[in-house]
Amino acid sequence: MVSLNALIRSLLVLFIAIDPLGNAPLFYGLTATLSDERRSTIIKKSCEVATLILIAFALGGDMLLYYFGLSLADFRISGGIILLIYGIAGIFGWTEATMLQRPEDAETIAIVPLATPLLAGPAAIATVLYVKAVYGILYAITAILVNTIITFITLINSDKLMKLLGSNGAIALSKIMSILLAAIAVAMIREGIIEAMNEAG
């Protein structure tokens, strides 16, 4: 029998981990130079890939980590390094989006860093594994699908907020988001190192 309380808890904890509201400005900043159509394509692809990643970990993530001898600390560190590179690049006025000249190039930024590690990052993966362990696979899958829909709607409308800010405001916000992205990356690396040290100790 499905527990409404468990379902709500599963939905909320994964929503916090994915953080679509916090990621919306980051998504816009990385795709600001693209047309609305290409931005929509990238966001759709990012949500699809992130969903597949999270579902894969819900189904067999614990076994996969055990098989390769990996921990969530490893994901935190590697994901943080990737985000740090993009954050520094954004601060100096370069983003992956500015290098996209062909439609097929959208696949690159849609997967890294947008789908992972921004959406399906260490926090989301850890949360999915937690929900599965505590509430069961049904709740984990449901939480993933519902949050994917919420995330897509949030990200697809991120440009409306940016338009309200104007071009100068959008540029300033993009720089601020790049600094924030770098800070988030450093925090992920730090947390990964601390977690790894605790596991080793």
N, C-alpha and C. Protein backbone atom coordinates (compact mmCIF):
# COMPACT_ATOMS: atom_id res chain seq x y z
N MET A 1 0.84 -1.20 0.00
CA MET A 1 0.00 0.00 0.00
C MET A 1 0.88 1.25 0.00
N VAL A 2 0.52 2.21 -0.85
CA VAL A 2 1.30 3.43 -0.99
C VAL A 2 1.05 4.36 0.18
N SER A 3 2.12 4.86 0.78
CA SER A 3 2.02 5.80 1.88
C SER A 3 2.17 7.22 1.34
N LEU A 4 1.15 8.05 1.56
CA LEU A 4 1.19 9.43 1.08
C LEU A 4 2.31 10.20 1.75
N ASN A 5 2.52 9.96 3.03
CA ASN A 5 3.58 10.65 3.77
C ASN A 5 4.95 10.31 3.20
N ALA A 6 5.17 9.03 2.92
CA ALA A 6 6.45 8.60 2.35
C ALA A 6 6.64 9.18 0.95
N LEU A 7 5.56 9.26 0.19
CA LEU A 7 5.64 9.81 -1.17
C LEU A 7 6.01 11.28 -1.14
N ILE A 8 5.36 12.03 -0.26
CA ILE A 8 5.64 13.47 -0.15
C ILE A 8 7.07 13.70 0.30
N ARG A 9 7.52 12.92 1.27
CA ARG A 9 8.90 13.05 1.74
C ARG A 9 9.90 12.75 0.63
N SER A 10 9.60 11.71 -0.15
CA SER A 10 10.49 11.34 -1.26
C SER A 10 10.57 12.45 -2.29
N LEU A 11 9.41 13.03 -2.62
CA LEU A 11 9.36 14.10 -3.62
C LEU A 11 10.13 15.33 -3.14
N LEU A 12 9.93 15.70 -1.89
CA LEU A 12 10.54 16.92 -1.37
C LEU A 12 12.06 16.79 -1.23
N VAL A 13 12.51 15.65 -0.73
CA VAL A 13 13.95 15.51 -0.50
C VAL A 13 14.70 15.48 -1.83
N LEU A 14 14.12 14.89 -2.87
CA LEU A 14 14.79 14.89 -4.17
C LEU A 14 14.70 16.25 -4.84
N PHE A 15 13.59 16.96 -4.62
CA PHE A 15 13.44 18.32 -5.16
C PHE A 15 14.54 19.22 -4.62
N ILE A 16 14.81 19.11 -3.34
CA ILE A 16 15.86 19.92 -2.72
C ILE A 16 17.23 19.56 -3.29
N ALA A 17 17.44 18.27 -3.52
CA ALA A 17 18.73 17.81 -4.04
C ALA A 17 18.96 18.27 -5.48
N ILE A 18 17.92 18.19 -6.30
CA ILE A 18 18.05 18.61 -7.71
C ILE A 18 18.10 20.13 -7.81
N ASP A 19 17.32 20.80 -6.97
CA ASP A 19 17.30 22.27 -6.87
C ASP A 19 17.07 22.95 -8.22
N PRO A 20 15.90 22.73 -8.84
CA PRO A 20 15.63 23.37 -10.14
C PRO A 20 15.60 24.89 -10.08
N LEU A 21 15.13 25.45 -8.97
CA LEU A 21 15.08 26.92 -8.85
C LEU A 21 16.49 27.50 -8.80
N GLY A 22 17.37 26.85 -8.07
CA GLY A 22 18.75 27.33 -7.99
C GLY A 22 19.52 27.10 -9.27
N ASN A 23 19.16 26.04 -10.00
CA ASN A 23 19.88 25.73 -11.24
C ASN A 23 19.40 26.53 -12.45
N ALA A 24 18.20 27.12 -12.35
CA ALA A 24 17.64 27.86 -13.49
C ALA A 24 18.56 28.97 -14.00
N PRO A 25 19.09 29.86 -13.11
CA PRO A 25 20.01 30.89 -13.60
C PRO A 25 21.30 30.31 -14.18
N LEU A 26 21.76 29.19 -13.61
CA LEU A 26 22.98 28.55 -14.12
C LEU A 26 22.75 28.00 -15.52
N PHE A 27 21.60 27.39 -15.74
CA PHE A 27 21.25 26.87 -17.06
C PHE A 27 21.18 28.01 -18.06
N TYR A 28 20.55 29.10 -17.66
CA TYR A 28 20.42 30.23 -18.58
C TYR A 28 21.78 30.83 -18.90
N GLY A 29 22.62 30.96 -17.88
CA GLY A 29 23.94 31.54 -18.10
C GLY A 29 24.78 30.72 -19.07
N LEU A 30 24.66 29.40 -19.02
CA LEU A 30 25.45 28.53 -19.90
C LEU A 30 24.87 28.43 -21.31
N THR A 31 23.63 28.90 -21.50
CA THR A 31 23.00 28.79 -22.81
C THR A 31 22.48 30.14 -23.31
N ALA A 32 22.96 31.22 -22.71
CA ALA A 32 22.42 32.56 -23.00
C ALA A 32 22.62 32.99 -24.45
N THR A 33 23.67 32.50 -25.11
CA THR A 33 23.95 32.94 -26.48
C THR A 33 23.19 32.13 -27.53
N LEU A 34 22.42 31.18 -27.11
CA LEU A 34 21.70 30.31 -28.05
C LEU A 34 20.28 30.80 -28.29
N SER A 35 19.69 30.37 -29.39
CA SER A 35 18.31 30.72 -29.68
C SER A 35 17.38 29.99 -28.72
N ASP A 36 16.13 30.49 -28.62
CA ASP A 36 15.16 29.86 -27.72
C ASP A 36 14.91 28.40 -28.10
N GLU A 37 14.90 28.14 -29.41
CA GLU A 37 14.65 26.77 -29.87
C GLU A 37 15.77 25.83 -29.44
N ARG A 38 17.01 26.29 -29.58
CA ARG A 38 18.15 25.43 -29.20
C ARG A 38 18.25 25.30 -27.68
N ARG A 39 17.91 26.36 -26.96
CA ARG A 39 17.88 26.28 -25.51
C ARG A 39 16.86 25.24 -25.06
N SER A 40 15.69 25.26 -25.68
CA SER A 40 14.65 24.29 -25.34
C SER A 40 15.11 22.87 -25.62
N THR A 41 15.80 22.70 -26.74
CA THR A 41 16.32 21.37 -27.09
C THR A 41 17.32 20.88 -26.06
N ILE A 42 18.22 21.78 -25.64
CA ILE A 42 19.24 21.42 -24.67
C ILE A 42 18.60 21.10 -23.32
N ILE A 43 17.65 21.91 -22.88
CA ILE A 43 16.99 21.67 -21.60
C ILE A 43 16.24 20.33 -21.62
N LYS A 44 15.53 20.06 -22.72
CA LYS A 44 14.81 18.79 -22.84
C LYS A 44 15.77 17.61 -22.77
N LYS A 45 16.87 17.73 -23.51
CA LYS A 45 17.86 16.66 -23.53
C LYS A 45 18.49 16.49 -22.14
N SER A 46 18.78 17.59 -21.49
CA SER A 46 19.39 17.53 -20.16
C SER A 46 18.48 16.81 -19.17
N CYS A 47 17.20 17.15 -19.20
CA CYS A 47 16.24 16.51 -18.29
C CYS A 47 16.11 15.02 -18.59
N GLU A 48 16.11 14.67 -19.89
CA GLU A 48 16.01 13.27 -20.27
C GLU A 48 17.21 12.47 -19.77
N VAL A 49 18.41 13.01 -20.00
CA VAL A 49 19.63 12.32 -19.59
C VAL A 49 19.71 12.22 -18.07
N ALA A 50 19.39 13.32 -17.38
CA ALA A 50 19.42 13.32 -15.93
C ALA A 50 18.45 12.28 -15.36
N THR A 51 17.28 12.18 -15.98
CA THR A 51 16.29 11.20 -15.54
C THR A 51 16.80 9.78 -15.71
N LEU A 52 17.41 9.51 -16.85
CA LEU A 52 17.95 8.17 -17.12
C LEU A 52 19.06 7.82 -16.13
N ILE A 53 19.91 8.81 -15.82
CA ILE A 53 21.00 8.58 -14.88
C ILE A 53 20.44 8.23 -13.50
N LEU A 54 19.47 9.03 -13.03
CA LEU A 54 18.91 8.81 -11.71
C LEU A 54 18.15 7.49 -11.63
N ILE A 55 17.41 7.16 -12.69
CA ILE A 55 16.69 5.88 -12.70
C ILE A 55 17.67 4.71 -12.70
N ALA A 56 18.76 4.86 -13.45
CA ALA A 56 19.78 3.80 -13.48
C ALA A 56 20.36 3.58 -12.10
N PHE A 57 20.63 4.67 -11.37
CA PHE A 57 21.17 4.52 -10.02
C PHE A 57 20.12 3.99 -9.06
N ALA A 58 18.85 4.33 -9.30
CA ALA A 58 17.78 3.80 -8.45
C ALA A 58 17.67 2.29 -8.62
N LEU A 59 17.87 1.82 -9.83
CA LEU A 59 17.73 0.40 -10.11
C LEU A 59 18.95 -0.41 -9.68
N GLY A 60 20.14 0.13 -9.91
CA GLY A 60 21.33 -0.66 -9.60
C GLY A 60 22.54 0.12 -9.17
N GLY A 61 22.34 1.34 -8.67
CA GLY A 61 23.46 2.18 -8.29
C GLY A 61 24.29 1.62 -7.16
N ASP A 62 23.62 1.06 -6.17
CA ASP A 62 24.34 0.51 -5.03
C ASP A 62 25.24 -0.65 -5.45
N MET A 63 24.75 -1.48 -6.37
CA MET A 63 25.54 -2.60 -6.86
C MET A 63 26.70 -2.12 -7.74
N LEU A 64 26.44 -1.06 -8.53
CA LEU A 64 27.47 -0.53 -9.42
C LEU A 64 28.64 0.05 -8.62
N LEU A 65 28.33 0.82 -7.61
CA LEU A 65 29.37 1.41 -6.77
C LEU A 65 30.19 0.32 -6.08
N TYR A 66 29.49 -0.69 -5.59
CA TYR A 66 30.17 -1.78 -4.89
C TYR A 66 31.08 -2.55 -5.85
N TYR A 67 30.61 -2.76 -7.07
CA TYR A 67 31.38 -3.54 -8.04
C TYR A 67 32.69 -2.85 -8.41
N PHE A 68 32.65 -1.53 -8.62
CA PHE A 68 33.85 -0.79 -9.02
C PHE A 68 34.63 -0.24 -7.83
N GLY A 69 34.16 -0.50 -6.64
CA GLY A 69 34.86 0.00 -5.46
C GLY A 69 34.80 1.50 -5.33
N LEU A 70 33.72 2.11 -5.82
CA LEU A 70 33.58 3.57 -5.79
C LEU A 70 32.65 3.99 -4.66
N SER A 71 32.75 5.26 -4.29
CA SER A 71 31.87 5.82 -3.27
C SER A 71 31.28 7.12 -3.79
N LEU A 72 30.28 7.63 -3.06
CA LEU A 72 29.69 8.90 -3.45
C LEU A 72 30.70 10.04 -3.31
N ALA A 73 31.69 9.84 -2.48
CA ALA A 73 32.75 10.85 -2.34
C ALA A 73 33.49 11.02 -3.66
N ASP A 74 33.69 9.93 -4.38
CA ASP A 74 34.36 10.00 -5.68
C ASP A 74 33.54 10.83 -6.66
N PHE A 75 32.20 10.69 -6.61
CA PHE A 75 31.34 11.47 -7.49
C PHE A 75 31.36 12.94 -7.11
N ARG A 76 31.40 13.21 -5.82
CA ARG A 76 31.45 14.61 -5.37
C ARG A 76 32.72 15.30 -5.89
N ILE A 77 33.84 14.64 -5.75
CA ILE A 77 35.11 15.24 -6.15
C ILE A 77 35.19 15.44 -7.66
N SER A 78 34.87 14.40 -8.42
CA SER A 78 34.95 14.51 -9.88
C SER A 78 33.93 15.51 -10.42
N GLY A 79 32.71 15.48 -9.88
CA GLY A 79 31.69 16.44 -10.32
C GLY A 79 32.07 17.86 -9.97
N GLY A 80 32.68 18.04 -8.79
CA GLY A 80 33.12 19.37 -8.37
C GLY A 80 34.20 19.93 -9.27
N ILE A 81 35.13 19.09 -9.71
CA ILE A 81 36.20 19.53 -10.61
C ILE A 81 35.62 20.01 -11.93
N ILE A 82 34.65 19.26 -12.46
CA ILE A 82 34.00 19.64 -13.73
C ILE A 82 33.30 20.99 -13.58
N LEU A 83 32.53 21.16 -12.50
CA LEU A 83 31.83 22.42 -12.28
C LEU A 83 32.80 23.59 -12.09
N LEU A 84 33.91 23.33 -11.42
CA LEU A 84 34.90 24.39 -11.18
C LEU A 84 35.47 24.91 -12.51
N ILE A 85 35.74 24.01 -13.43
CA ILE A 85 36.25 24.40 -14.74
C ILE A 85 35.26 25.31 -15.46
N TYR A 86 33.97 24.93 -15.43
CA TYR A 86 32.95 25.73 -16.09
C TYR A 86 32.73 27.06 -15.37
N GLY A 87 32.84 27.06 -14.05
CA GLY A 87 32.67 28.30 -13.30
C GLY A 87 33.76 29.30 -13.62
N ILE A 88 35.00 28.85 -13.64
CA ILE A 88 36.13 29.73 -13.95
C ILE A 88 36.02 30.26 -15.38
N ALA A 89 35.65 29.36 -16.30
CA ALA A 89 35.49 29.78 -17.69
C ALA A 89 34.42 30.86 -17.83
N GLY A 90 33.31 30.70 -17.09
CA GLY A 90 32.22 31.68 -17.16
C GLY A 90 32.62 33.02 -16.60
N ILE A 91 33.45 33.03 -15.57
CA ILE A 91 33.91 34.29 -14.98
C ILE A 91 34.70 35.12 -15.99
N PHE A 92 35.46 34.44 -16.85
CA PHE A 92 36.28 35.13 -17.84
C PHE A 92 35.56 35.31 -19.18
N GLY A 93 34.24 35.07 -19.17
CA GLY A 93 33.45 35.38 -20.34
C GLY A 93 33.32 34.28 -21.37
N TRP A 94 33.77 33.08 -21.03
CA TRP A 94 33.65 31.96 -21.98
C TRP A 94 32.74 30.90 -21.39
N THR A 95 31.82 30.41 -22.20
CA THR A 95 31.00 29.28 -21.79
C THR A 95 30.96 28.29 -22.93
N GLU A 96 30.60 27.09 -22.60
CA GLU A 96 30.47 26.06 -23.63
C GLU A 96 29.49 26.50 -24.70
N ALA A 97 28.46 27.25 -24.28
CA ALA A 97 27.43 27.66 -25.23
C ALA A 97 27.97 28.53 -26.34
N THR A 98 28.96 29.37 -26.06
CA THR A 98 29.51 30.26 -27.07
C THR A 98 30.27 29.50 -28.14
N MET A 99 30.66 28.27 -27.87
CA MET A 99 31.42 27.46 -28.82
C MET A 99 30.54 26.57 -29.67
N LEU A 100 29.23 26.57 -29.40
CA LEU A 100 28.34 25.69 -30.14
C LEU A 100 27.98 26.32 -31.48
N GLN A 101 28.44 25.72 -32.54
CA GLN A 101 28.16 26.24 -33.88
C GLN A 101 27.23 25.32 -34.67
N ARG A 102 27.23 24.05 -34.34
CA ARG A 102 26.40 23.10 -35.07
C ARG A 102 25.32 22.56 -34.14
N PRO A 103 24.14 22.20 -34.68
CA PRO A 103 23.07 21.68 -33.85
C PRO A 103 23.48 20.46 -33.05
N GLU A 104 24.33 19.60 -33.65
CA GLU A 104 24.71 18.38 -32.93
C GLU A 104 25.62 18.67 -31.74
N ASP A 105 26.25 19.87 -31.71
CA ASP A 105 27.10 20.22 -30.58
C ASP A 105 26.30 20.42 -29.30
N ALA A 106 24.98 20.65 -29.44
CA ALA A 106 24.14 20.84 -28.26
C ALA A 106 24.15 19.61 -27.37
N GLU A 107 24.44 18.46 -27.96
CA GLU A 107 24.49 17.23 -27.18
C GLU A 107 25.54 17.34 -26.07
N THR A 108 26.65 18.02 -26.36
CA THR A 108 27.75 18.10 -25.40
C THR A 108 27.34 18.83 -24.14
N ILE A 109 26.87 20.06 -24.26
CA ILE A 109 26.52 20.86 -23.08
C ILE A 109 25.26 20.33 -22.41
N ALA A 110 24.39 19.68 -23.17
CA ALA A 110 23.17 19.12 -22.58
C ALA A 110 23.50 18.02 -21.58
N ILE A 111 24.56 17.28 -21.89
CA ILE A 111 24.92 16.16 -21.01
C ILE A 111 25.86 16.61 -19.91
N VAL A 112 26.96 17.30 -20.27
CA VAL A 112 27.93 17.81 -19.29
C VAL A 112 28.15 19.29 -19.55
N PRO A 113 27.89 20.19 -18.60
CA PRO A 113 27.62 19.90 -17.19
C PRO A 113 26.15 19.96 -16.80
N LEU A 114 25.23 20.16 -17.78
CA LEU A 114 23.84 20.42 -17.40
C LEU A 114 23.13 19.21 -16.82
N ALA A 115 23.08 18.11 -17.59
CA ALA A 115 22.41 16.91 -17.06
C ALA A 115 23.15 16.39 -15.84
N THR A 116 24.47 16.31 -15.98
CA THR A 116 25.32 15.89 -14.86
C THR A 116 26.62 16.67 -14.92
N PRO A 117 27.07 17.29 -13.83
CA PRO A 117 26.60 17.05 -12.46
C PRO A 117 25.58 18.04 -11.91
N LEU A 118 25.05 18.99 -12.73
CA LEU A 118 24.13 19.98 -12.18
C LEU A 118 22.81 19.37 -11.71
N LEU A 119 22.17 18.56 -12.55
CA LEU A 119 20.90 17.95 -12.17
C LEU A 119 21.10 16.60 -11.50
N ALA A 120 21.69 15.68 -12.22
CA ALA A 120 21.94 14.35 -11.67
C ALA A 120 23.35 14.30 -11.10
N GLY A 121 23.57 15.10 -10.08
CA GLY A 121 24.88 15.16 -9.45
C GLY A 121 24.96 14.26 -8.23
N PRO A 122 26.05 14.38 -7.48
CA PRO A 122 26.24 13.53 -6.29
C PRO A 122 25.09 13.63 -5.29
N ALA A 123 24.58 14.85 -5.07
CA ALA A 123 23.50 15.03 -4.10
C ALA A 123 22.24 14.30 -4.55
N ALA A 124 21.88 14.45 -5.83
CA ALA A 124 20.69 13.79 -6.35
C ALA A 124 20.85 12.28 -6.35
N ILE A 125 22.03 11.81 -6.74
CA ILE A 125 22.30 10.37 -6.77
C ILE A 125 22.22 9.79 -5.36
N ALA A 126 22.84 10.50 -4.41
CA ALA A 126 22.81 10.04 -3.03
C ALA A 126 21.38 10.02 -2.50
N THR A 127 20.60 11.02 -2.89
CA THR A 127 19.21 11.10 -2.43
C THR A 127 18.38 9.95 -2.99
N VAL A 128 18.58 9.65 -4.27
CA VAL A 128 17.86 8.54 -4.90
C VAL A 128 18.19 7.23 -4.19
N LEU A 129 19.46 7.00 -3.90
CA LEU A 129 19.86 5.79 -3.19
C LEU A 129 19.26 5.75 -1.79
N TYR A 130 19.17 6.93 -1.17
CA TYR A 130 18.58 7.02 0.17
C TYR A 130 17.08 6.69 0.13
N VAL A 131 16.37 7.30 -0.81
CA VAL A 131 14.93 7.07 -0.94
C VAL A 131 14.64 5.60 -1.22
N LYS A 132 15.44 4.99 -2.08
CA LYS A 132 15.27 3.57 -2.39
C LYS A 132 15.47 2.72 -1.14
N ALA A 133 16.50 3.03 -0.38
CA ALA A 133 16.81 2.24 0.81
C ALA A 133 15.75 2.38 1.89
N VAL A 134 15.20 3.60 2.05
CA VAL A 134 14.26 3.87 3.13
C VAL A 134 12.81 3.56 2.74
N TYR A 135 12.41 3.97 1.53
CA TYR A 135 10.99 3.85 1.14
C TYR A 135 10.72 2.80 0.06
N GLY A 136 11.75 2.45 -0.72
CA GLY A 136 11.54 1.45 -1.76
C GLY A 136 11.71 2.01 -3.16
N ILE A 137 11.88 1.13 -4.11
CA ILE A 137 12.14 1.52 -5.50
C ILE A 137 10.98 2.28 -6.13
N LEU A 138 9.72 1.94 -5.78
CA LEU A 138 8.56 2.62 -6.35
C LEU A 138 8.58 4.10 -6.02
N TYR A 139 8.89 4.43 -4.78
CA TYR A 139 8.93 5.83 -4.36
C TYR A 139 10.09 6.56 -5.03
N ALA A 140 11.21 5.88 -5.19
CA ALA A 140 12.38 6.49 -5.82
C ALA A 140 12.08 6.85 -7.28
N ILE A 141 11.50 5.91 -8.01
CA ILE A 141 11.18 6.16 -9.42
C ILE A 141 10.13 7.26 -9.56
N THR A 142 9.11 7.22 -8.71
CA THR A 142 8.06 8.25 -8.76
C THR A 142 8.63 9.63 -8.48
N ALA A 143 9.49 9.72 -7.47
CA ALA A 143 10.10 11.00 -7.12
C ALA A 143 10.94 11.54 -8.27
N ILE A 144 11.64 10.65 -8.95
CA ILE A 144 12.48 11.07 -10.09
C ILE A 144 11.61 11.63 -11.21
N LEU A 145 10.55 10.92 -11.57
CA LEU A 145 9.71 11.33 -12.70
C LEU A 145 8.98 12.64 -12.41
N VAL A 146 8.42 12.77 -11.21
CA VAL A 146 7.70 14.00 -10.86
C VAL A 146 8.64 15.19 -10.83
N ASN A 147 9.81 15.01 -10.24
CA ASN A 147 10.77 16.11 -10.16
C ASN A 147 11.34 16.46 -11.53
N THR A 148 11.40 15.51 -12.43
CA THR A 148 11.85 15.81 -13.79
C THR A 148 10.88 16.78 -14.46
N ILE A 149 9.59 16.52 -14.30
CA ILE A 149 8.58 17.41 -14.89
C ILE A 149 8.67 18.81 -14.29
N ILE A 150 8.80 18.88 -12.97
CA ILE A 150 8.91 20.18 -12.30
C ILE A 150 10.17 20.91 -12.76
N THR A 151 11.26 20.19 -12.87
CA THR A 151 12.53 20.79 -13.29
C THR A 151 12.46 21.31 -14.71
N PHE A 152 11.86 20.54 -15.60
CA PHE A 152 11.74 20.96 -17.00
C PHE A 152 10.93 22.25 -17.12
N ILE A 153 9.80 22.30 -16.42
CA ILE A 153 8.95 23.50 -16.47
C ILE A 153 9.70 24.71 -15.92
N THR A 154 10.45 24.50 -14.85
CA THR A 154 11.21 25.60 -14.24
C THR A 154 12.30 26.11 -15.16
N LEU A 155 13.07 25.19 -15.74
CA LEU A 155 14.20 25.58 -16.58
C LEU A 155 13.75 26.19 -17.90
N ILE A 156 12.67 25.69 -18.47
CA ILE A 156 12.21 26.18 -19.77
C ILE A 156 11.71 27.62 -19.67
N ASN A 157 11.35 28.04 -18.44
CA ASN A 157 10.87 29.41 -18.23
C ASN A 157 11.92 30.32 -17.58
N SER A 158 13.15 29.84 -17.47
CA SER A 158 14.19 30.64 -16.83
C SER A 158 14.51 31.92 -17.59
N ASP A 159 14.28 31.91 -18.91
CA ASP A 159 14.58 33.10 -19.71
C ASP A 159 13.68 34.27 -19.37
N LYS A 160 12.48 34.00 -18.88
CA LYS A 160 11.55 35.08 -18.54
C LYS A 160 12.11 35.94 -17.42
N LEU A 161 12.70 35.30 -16.44
CA LEU A 161 13.32 36.05 -15.34
C LEU A 161 14.50 36.86 -15.85
N MET A 162 15.28 36.25 -16.74
CA MET A 162 16.45 36.95 -17.27
C MET A 162 16.04 38.17 -18.11
N LYS A 163 14.94 38.06 -18.85
CA LYS A 163 14.48 39.17 -19.68
C LYS A 163 14.04 40.35 -18.81
N LEU A 164 13.51 40.05 -17.66
CA LEU A 164 13.10 41.12 -16.75
C LEU A 164 14.31 41.91 -16.25
N LEU A 165 15.45 41.26 -16.19
CA LEU A 165 16.67 41.92 -15.70
C LEU A 165 17.31 42.83 -16.73
N GLY A 166 17.05 42.58 -18.02
CA GLY A 166 17.70 43.35 -19.08
C GLY A 166 19.06 42.76 -19.43
N SER A 167 19.68 43.27 -20.50
CA SER A 167 20.95 42.70 -20.97
C SER A 167 22.07 42.89 -19.96
N ASN A 168 22.19 44.12 -19.42
CA ASN A 168 23.26 44.36 -18.44
C ASN A 168 23.04 43.55 -17.17
N GLY A 169 21.80 43.51 -16.74
CA GLY A 169 21.48 42.73 -15.55
C GLY A 169 21.75 41.25 -15.76
N ALA A 170 21.43 40.77 -16.97
CA ALA A 170 21.65 39.36 -17.28
C ALA A 170 23.14 39.02 -17.29
N ILE A 171 23.95 39.97 -17.85
CA ILE A 171 25.40 39.74 -17.87
C ILE A 171 25.96 39.72 -16.46
N ALA A 172 25.52 40.69 -15.65
CA ALA A 172 25.98 40.75 -14.26
C ALA A 172 25.58 39.49 -13.50
N LEU A 173 24.33 39.05 -13.71
CA LEU A 173 23.86 37.85 -13.03
C LEU A 173 24.63 36.62 -13.50
N SER A 174 24.96 36.59 -14.80
CA SER A 174 25.71 35.47 -15.35
C SER A 174 27.08 35.35 -14.68
N LYS A 175 27.74 36.53 -14.46
CA LYS A 175 29.04 36.52 -13.79
C LYS A 175 28.91 36.05 -12.35
N ILE A 176 27.85 36.55 -11.69
CA ILE A 176 27.62 36.16 -10.30
C ILE A 176 27.36 34.66 -10.22
N MET A 177 26.57 34.14 -11.18
CA MET A 177 26.26 32.72 -11.18
C MET A 177 27.51 31.88 -11.45
N SER A 178 28.43 32.43 -12.26
CA SER A 178 29.68 31.72 -12.53
C SER A 178 30.52 31.61 -11.27
N ILE A 179 30.56 32.72 -10.51
CA ILE A 179 31.27 32.70 -9.23
C ILE A 179 30.60 31.72 -8.27
N LEU A 180 29.26 31.76 -8.25
CA LEU A 180 28.51 30.83 -7.40
C LEU A 180 28.77 29.38 -7.82
N LEU A 181 28.81 29.16 -9.13
CA LEU A 181 29.07 27.82 -9.65
C LEU A 181 30.44 27.32 -9.19
N ALA A 182 31.42 28.21 -9.25
CA ALA A 182 32.77 27.84 -8.79
C ALA A 182 32.77 27.56 -7.30
N ALA A 183 32.01 28.35 -6.54
CA ALA A 183 31.94 28.13 -5.10
C ALA A 183 31.26 26.80 -4.77
N ILE A 184 30.19 26.50 -5.51
CA ILE A 184 29.50 25.22 -5.33
C ILE A 184 30.46 24.07 -5.64
N ALA A 185 31.26 24.26 -6.69
CA ALA A 185 32.22 23.22 -7.08
C ALA A 185 33.24 22.98 -5.98
N VAL A 186 33.75 24.08 -5.40
CA VAL A 186 34.73 23.95 -4.32
C VAL A 186 34.11 23.23 -3.13
N ALA A 187 32.84 23.57 -2.83
CA ALA A 187 32.15 22.92 -1.72
C ALA A 187 31.99 21.43 -1.99
N MET A 188 31.66 21.07 -3.23
CA MET A 188 31.51 19.66 -3.59
C MET A 188 32.83 18.91 -3.43
N ILE A 189 33.91 19.54 -3.88
CA ILE A 189 35.23 18.91 -3.75
C ILE A 189 35.60 18.74 -2.28
N ARG A 190 35.37 19.80 -1.49
CA ARG A 190 35.69 19.75 -0.07
C ARG A 190 34.88 18.65 0.64
N GLU A 191 33.57 18.62 0.35
CA GLU A 191 32.72 17.60 0.97
C GLU A 191 33.15 16.20 0.56
N GLY A 192 33.55 16.06 -0.71
CA GLY A 192 34.00 14.76 -1.19
C GLY A 192 35.27 14.31 -0.50
N ILE A 193 36.19 15.25 -0.30
CA ILE A 193 37.46 14.92 0.37
C ILE A 193 37.21 14.54 1.84
N ILE A 194 36.37 15.33 2.51
CA ILE A 194 36.05 15.04 3.91
C ILE A 194 35.37 13.68 4.04
N GLU A 195 34.41 13.42 3.13
CA GLU A 195 33.71 12.13 3.16
C GLU A 195 34.67 10.99 2.91
N ALA A 196 35.60 11.18 1.95
CA ALA A 196 36.58 10.14 1.65
C ALA A 196 37.49 9.89 2.84
N MET A 197 37.88 10.97 3.52
CA MET A 197 38.75 10.83 4.70
C MET A 197 38.03 10.11 5.83
N ASN A 198 36.74 10.42 5.99
CA ASN A 198 35.96 9.76 7.03
C ASN A 198 35.81 8.26 6.74
N GLU A 199 35.61 7.95 5.45
CA GLU A 199 35.50 6.54 5.06
C GLU A 199 36.81 5.80 5.28
N ALA A 200 37.91 6.50 4.98
CA ALA A 200 39.23 5.87 5.16
C ALA A 200 39.57 5.71 6.64
N GLY A 201 39.08 6.67 7.46
CA GLY A 201 39.39 6.62 8.88
C GLY A 201 38.49 5.69 9.64
